Amino acid sequence: MNDPFAGQATPPAPLTIEPSQMRELTQKAVSRAGTKQWSIDDLPWTSLRPEELTGTDRSVVKFITFIEDHIPGYLTYFLQAFPVADGDQAIEEFCFNREYFRFLISWANDEERHASVLTRYQIEAGISDPDTLMWELAEEGRKKFALPYETPVQAFTYTLVQEKATQLFYQRFKSVAKEPVLRDLLHRLARDEARHFAFYSELVGAYVRRHGLESTVHDLKDVLATFRMPLADTLNGYWRWSMKITDATSYDHTEAYESLVRLVTDFATAGGRAAAVDLTEFVHRIRAI
């Protein structure tokens, strides 16, 4: 199979669910976000104990700061893939994109808070200083983020898996971390990622319900077969860094694939059960590699 990441990413094709349905999903997600808001100042900063951080803890915090701080790149990609400033697009497509935009702004606010709180944590814990950290993040942040997918359901499936994988990682990291403020921070990050996953789970589910699993399973399998976490191809030292982190936290991002299997199994109609079984077996083969 050719590596789709090697070529130019193609923006997703026009919508395939009704704008009104996207509106309902977005309203629910934004409302949910509004009731779960927290601020950087909510963390108990006076309880910070840098001496309880291991070398691995410091390394992981630096790593996840790079990932979270790339939010300008992530947001730029989605705004270009689902434009809301294109006068030539069909009105139905604009309505769909406009509703999705409401979620993107709420999501970007969460992710920018993640980037900001991790930056502050590094400085407060003595992991880095403000100027050094700003330049390090800028070196990686200016690199372009892109996905290789051609359909909305592929872009949304990728994000579903990525959000779940990130949630799982923060939970695993919290289970081994000892520093109290870091543990509090990781709990908050995992909770936000769980909300993001819930939105994309409902969105992908809407695609499956409307078009049937038989029509969408190829797109889902393509995402899983080519999945890489954000910045895997751009962050300097990503693979060596991620291997060390995986060993330290017993983390495996392919665990997130099971959430997609459960989703499509729940939504599969009688005629789609064979496709659900096929996807399940496909995921198990991937995870066995």
Protein backbone atom coordinates (compact mmCIF):
# COMPACT_ATOMS: atom_id res chain seq x y z
CA MET A 1 0.00 0.00 0.00
CA ASN A 2 1.35 3.43 -0.93
CA ASP A 3 1.96 5.77 1.97
CA PRO A 4 -0.69 8.50 1.68
CA PHE A 5 1.33 10.74 3.98
CA ALA A 6 4.05 10.97 1.33
CA GLY A 7 1.94 13.09 -1.05
CA GLN A 8 -0.04 16.27 -0.89
CA ALA A 9 -3.02 16.03 1.44
CA THR A 10 -6.39 16.43 -0.27
CA PRO A 11 -9.15 18.33 1.56
CA PRO A 12 -12.19 16.22 2.39
CA ALA A 13 -15.04 16.10 -0.12
CA PRO A 14 -18.42 17.81 0.52
CA LEU A 15 -20.71 16.75 3.33
CA THR A 16 -22.69 13.54 3.42
CA ILE A 17 -24.95 14.17 6.42
CA GLU A 18 -27.58 16.88 6.72
CA PRO A 19 -26.56 20.30 8.09
CA SER A 20 -29.43 20.09 10.57
CA GLN A 21 -27.95 16.92 12.03
CA MET A 22 -24.54 18.54 12.31
CA ARG A 23 -26.25 21.45 14.07
CA GLU A 24 -27.78 19.12 16.67
CA LEU A 25 -24.48 17.34 17.31
CA THR A 26 -22.57 20.60 17.57
CA GLN A 27 -25.07 22.21 19.91
CA LYS A 28 -24.82 19.25 22.24
CA ALA A 29 -21.01 19.27 22.20
CA VAL A 30 -20.70 23.03 22.74
CA SER A 31 -23.24 22.93 25.55
CA ARG A 32 -21.38 20.07 27.18
CA ALA A 33 -18.12 22.03 26.91
CA GLY A 34 -19.72 25.06 28.55
CA THR A 35 -20.59 23.11 31.67
CA LYS A 36 -17.10 21.58 31.98
CA GLN A 37 -14.94 24.66 31.65
CA TRP A 38 -11.88 25.19 33.83
CA SER A 39 -9.12 27.76 33.88
CA ILE A 40 -5.36 27.56 34.27
CA ASP A 41 -5.66 29.33 37.62
CA ASP A 42 -7.90 26.54 38.92
CA LEU A 43 -4.87 24.29 39.35
CA PRO A 44 -3.29 24.22 42.85
CA TRP A 45 0.00 25.79 41.74
CA THR A 46 1.19 26.36 45.31
CA SER A 47 1.18 22.58 45.78
CA LEU A 48 3.68 22.03 42.96
CA ARG A 49 6.50 19.68 43.99
CA PRO A 50 9.12 19.67 41.18
CA GLU A 51 11.35 17.34 43.20
CA GLU A 52 8.79 14.57 42.67
CA LEU A 53 9.21 14.71 38.90
CA THR A 54 11.31 11.98 37.35
CA GLY A 55 13.44 12.50 34.27
CA THR A 56 10.81 10.61 32.30
CA ASP A 57 8.05 12.86 33.67
CA ARG A 58 9.92 15.93 32.48
CA SER A 59 10.50 14.40 29.07
CA VAL A 60 6.83 13.43 28.66
CA VAL A 61 5.65 16.91 29.66
CA LYS A 62 7.93 18.45 27.04
CA PHE A 63 6.65 15.99 24.44
CA ILE A 64 2.94 16.59 25.06
CA THR A 65 3.49 20.36 25.13
CA PHE A 66 4.74 20.16 21.55
CA ILE A 67 1.67 18.15 20.56
CA GLU A 68 -0.87 20.40 22.25
CA ASP A 69 0.84 23.63 21.20
CA HIS A 70 0.34 22.80 17.51
CA ILE A 71 -3.32 23.88 17.75
CA PRO A 72 -2.86 26.72 15.20
CA GLY A 73 -1.81 24.11 12.64
CA TYR A 74 -4.65 21.72 13.47
CA LEU A 75 -7.27 24.49 13.35
CA THR A 76 -5.89 25.87 10.07
CA TYR A 77 -6.20 22.45 8.46
CA PHE A 78 -9.84 22.00 9.45
CA LEU A 79 -10.83 25.54 8.47
CA GLN A 80 -9.30 24.98 5.04
CA ALA A 81 -10.87 21.54 4.68
CA PHE A 82 -14.32 22.78 5.75
CA PRO A 83 -14.29 26.43 4.63
CA VAL A 84 -16.75 29.05 5.80
CA ALA A 85 -15.47 31.84 3.56
CA ASP A 86 -16.08 30.37 0.11
CA GLY A 87 -18.78 32.17 -1.84
CA ASP A 88 -18.79 29.55 -4.58
CA GLN A 89 -19.73 26.58 -2.42
CA ALA A 90 -23.25 25.17 -2.33
CA ILE A 91 -25.40 26.59 0.43
CA GLU A 92 -25.90 23.14 1.98
CA GLU A 93 -22.14 22.69 2.21
CA PHE A 94 -21.72 26.11 3.77
CA CYS A 95 -24.42 25.34 6.35
CA PHE A 96 -22.70 22.08 7.26
CA ASN A 97 -19.31 23.79 7.56
CA ARG A 98 -20.81 26.69 9.53
CA GLU A 99 -22.25 24.32 12.11
CA TYR A 100 -18.96 22.41 12.34
CA PHE A 101 -17.18 25.76 12.81
CA ARG A 102 -19.08 26.26 16.07
CA PHE A 103 -17.57 23.06 17.42
CA LEU A 104 -14.10 23.88 16.08
CA ILE A 105 -14.01 27.18 17.97
CA SER A 106 -15.03 25.48 21.22
CA TRP A 107 -12.53 22.66 20.62
CA ALA A 108 -9.73 25.09 19.76
CA ASN A 109 -10.40 26.95 23.00
CA ASP A 110 -9.90 23.71 24.94
CA GLU A 111 -6.72 22.85 23.06
CA GLU A 112 -5.26 26.34 23.42
CA ARG A 113 -5.87 26.07 27.16
CA HIS A 114 -4.04 22.73 27.14
CA ALA A 115 -1.07 24.30 25.38
CA SER A 116 -1.03 27.27 27.74
CA VAL A 117 -1.29 25.24 30.93
CA LEU A 118 1.46 22.83 29.85
CA THR A 119 3.66 25.79 28.99
CA ARG A 120 3.06 27.29 32.41
CA TYR A 121 3.70 23.93 34.05
CA GLN A 122 7.09 23.64 32.37
CA ILE A 123 8.07 27.09 33.57
CA GLU A 124 6.70 26.68 37.13
CA ALA A 125 8.38 23.28 37.49
CA GLY A 126 11.71 24.51 36.15
CA ILE A 127 11.62 22.23 33.12
CA SER A 128 12.26 25.18 30.83
CA ASP A 129 12.34 28.97 30.86
CA PRO A 130 9.89 31.22 28.99
CA ASP A 131 12.16 32.39 26.18
CA THR A 132 13.75 29.01 25.47
CA LEU A 133 10.36 27.32 25.46
CA MET A 134 8.83 29.94 23.16
CA TRP A 135 11.52 29.38 20.54
CA GLU A 136 11.40 25.58 20.85
CA LEU A 137 7.64 25.54 20.36
CA ALA A 138 7.88 28.00 17.47
CA GLU A 139 10.39 25.79 15.66
CA GLU A 140 7.89 22.94 15.60
CA GLY A 141 4.71 25.01 15.53
CA ARG A 142 5.51 26.69 12.23
CA LYS A 143 5.51 23.33 10.44
CA LYS A 144 2.39 22.57 8.40
CA PHE A 145 -0.13 20.00 9.63
CA ALA A 146 -2.09 17.99 7.06
CA LEU A 147 -4.09 14.80 6.79
CA PRO A 148 -4.17 12.63 3.65
CA TYR A 149 -7.89 11.91 3.58
CA GLU A 150 -10.41 12.72 0.86
CA THR A 151 -13.77 12.28 2.59
CA PRO A 152 -15.26 13.90 5.69
CA VAL A 153 -15.85 10.56 7.38
CA GLN A 154 -12.14 9.75 7.06
CA ALA A 155 -11.10 13.08 8.59
CA PHE A 156 -13.61 12.65 11.39
CA THR A 157 -12.64 9.01 11.99
CA TYR A 158 -8.98 9.99 12.25
CA THR A 159 -9.86 12.64 14.83
CA LEU A 160 -12.10 10.22 16.76
CA VAL A 161 -9.21 7.77 17.12
CA GLN A 162 -6.69 10.50 17.89
CA GLU A 163 -8.84 12.05 20.63
CA LYS A 164 -9.44 8.65 22.23
CA ALA A 165 -5.76 7.75 22.03
CA THR A 166 -4.83 11.05 23.66
CA GLN A 167 -7.38 10.52 26.44
CA LEU A 168 -5.97 7.06 27.12
CA PHE A 169 -2.43 8.38 27.17
CA TYR A 170 -3.20 11.08 29.72
CA GLN A 171 -4.90 8.49 31.92
CA ARG A 172 -1.90 6.16 31.69
CA PHE A 173 0.55 8.96 32.41
CA LYS A 174 -1.47 10.02 35.45
CA SER A 175 -1.32 6.44 36.77
CA VAL A 176 2.49 6.57 36.96
CA ALA A 177 3.06 10.27 37.77
CA LYS A 178 3.57 11.26 41.42
CA GLU A 179 3.73 15.06 41.30
CA PRO A 180 0.30 16.30 42.54
CA VAL A 181 -0.24 19.28 40.22
CA LEU A 182 0.74 17.19 37.20
CA ARG A 183 -1.76 14.52 38.22
CA ASP A 184 -4.49 17.15 38.56
CA LEU A 185 -3.55 18.59 35.16
CA LEU A 186 -3.58 15.20 33.44
CA HIS A 187 -7.03 14.47 34.86
CA ARG A 188 -8.36 17.70 33.37
CA LEU A 189 -6.73 17.05 30.00
CA ALA A 190 -8.12 13.52 29.81
CA ARG A 191 -11.61 14.74 30.66
CA ASP A 192 -11.52 17.32 27.86
CA GLU A 193 -10.25 14.76 25.34
CA ALA A 194 -13.06 12.42 26.36
CA ARG A 195 -15.58 15.14 25.46
CA HIS A 196 -13.95 15.67 22.07
CA PHE A 197 -14.03 11.93 21.45
CA ALA A 198 -17.72 11.84 22.33
CA PHE A 199 -18.52 14.43 19.64
CA TYR A 200 -16.59 12.63 16.91
CA SER A 201 -18.04 9.31 18.00
CA GLU A 202 -21.55 10.68 17.53
CA LEU A 203 -20.56 12.28 14.21
CA VAL A 204 -19.04 9.12 12.73
CA GLY A 205 -22.04 7.21 14.05
CA ALA A 206 -24.31 9.58 12.12
CA TYR A 207 -22.43 8.79 8.91
CA VAL A 208 -22.72 5.05 9.51
CA ARG A 209 -26.43 5.29 10.28
CA ARG A 210 -27.16 7.30 7.14
CA HIS A 211 -25.02 5.42 4.64
CA GLY A 212 -24.66 1.99 6.19
CA LEU A 213 -21.50 0.33 7.41
CA GLU A 214 -21.04 -1.49 4.12
CA SER A 215 -20.61 1.88 2.36
CA THR A 216 -18.29 3.39 4.96
CA VAL A 217 -16.17 0.48 6.19
CA HIS A 218 -13.56 0.98 3.45
CA ASP A 219 -12.99 4.57 4.59
CA LEU A 220 -12.75 3.48 8.22
CA LYS A 221 -10.24 0.73 7.41
CA ASP A 222 -8.16 3.12 5.33
CA VAL A 223 -7.82 5.47 8.30
CA LEU A 224 -6.79 2.68 10.65
CA ALA A 225 -4.33 1.23 8.15
CA THR A 226 -2.54 4.58 7.78
CA PHE A 227 -3.10 6.11 11.23
CA ARG A 228 -0.32 8.07 12.85
CA MET A 229 -0.55 10.37 15.83
CA PRO A 230 -0.23 14.12 15.17
CA LEU A 231 3.28 15.39 14.38
CA ALA A 232 4.60 11.85 13.89
CA ASP A 233 6.18 12.97 10.61
CA THR A 234 7.26 16.48 11.57
CA LEU A 235 8.38 16.61 15.23
CA ASN A 236 12.13 16.14 15.53
CA GLY A 237 12.92 12.85 17.27
CA TYR A 238 9.24 11.85 17.45
CA TRP A 239 9.66 8.08 17.07
CA ARG A 240 12.56 7.71 19.48
CA TRP A 241 10.79 9.97 21.97
CA SER A 242 7.45 8.16 21.67
CA MET A 243 9.06 4.74 22.12
CA LYS A 244 10.57 5.82 25.45
CA ILE A 245 7.24 7.24 26.56
CA THR A 246 5.40 4.09 25.54
CA ASP A 247 7.77 1.97 27.61
CA ALA A 248 7.44 4.25 30.64
CA THR A 249 3.63 4.41 30.64
CA SER A 250 2.64 1.04 29.11
CA TYR A 251 0.71 3.02 26.51
CA ASP A 252 -0.40 1.66 23.14
CA HIS A 253 -2.30 4.06 20.86
CA THR A 254 -3.87 1.13 18.95
CA GLU A 255 -6.06 0.51 21.99
CA ALA A 256 -8.10 3.45 20.70
CA TYR A 257 -9.01 1.42 17.61
CA GLU A 258 -11.25 -0.73 19.76
CA SER A 259 -13.47 2.28 20.44
CA LEU A 260 -14.20 2.50 16.72
CA VAL A 261 -15.00 -1.20 16.60
CA ARG A 262 -17.48 -0.83 19.45
CA LEU A 263 -19.05 2.17 17.75
CA VAL A 264 -19.69 0.53 14.40
CA THR A 265 -20.81 -2.70 16.01
CA ASP A 266 -23.45 -0.79 17.94
CA PHE A 267 -24.66 1.01 14.80
CA ALA A 268 -24.47 -1.92 12.38
CA THR A 269 -27.82 -3.07 11.10
CA ALA A 270 -28.54 -6.71 10.38
CA GLY A 271 -27.18 -6.27 6.87
CA GLY A 272 -24.02 -4.61 8.17
CA ARG A 273 -22.97 -7.21 10.69
CA ALA A 274 -20.62 -8.90 8.24
CA ALA A 275 -18.87 -5.56 7.67
CA ALA A 276 -18.64 -5.02 11.44
CA VAL A 277 -17.04 -8.43 11.87
CA ASP A 278 -14.66 -7.65 9.01
CA LEU A 279 -13.62 -4.38 10.64
CA THR A 280 -13.15 -6.10 14.01
CA GLU A 281 -10.88 -8.72 12.48
CA PHE A 282 -9.01 -6.01 10.57
CA VAL A 283 -8.30 -4.10 13.80
CA HIS A 284 -7.15 -7.24 15.58
CA ARG A 285 -4.71 -7.96 12.76
CA ILE A 286 -3.31 -4.44 12.96
CA ARG A 287 -2.87 -4.64 16.73
CA ALA A 288 -1.13 -8.01 16.44
CA ILE A 289 1.65 -6.56 14.29
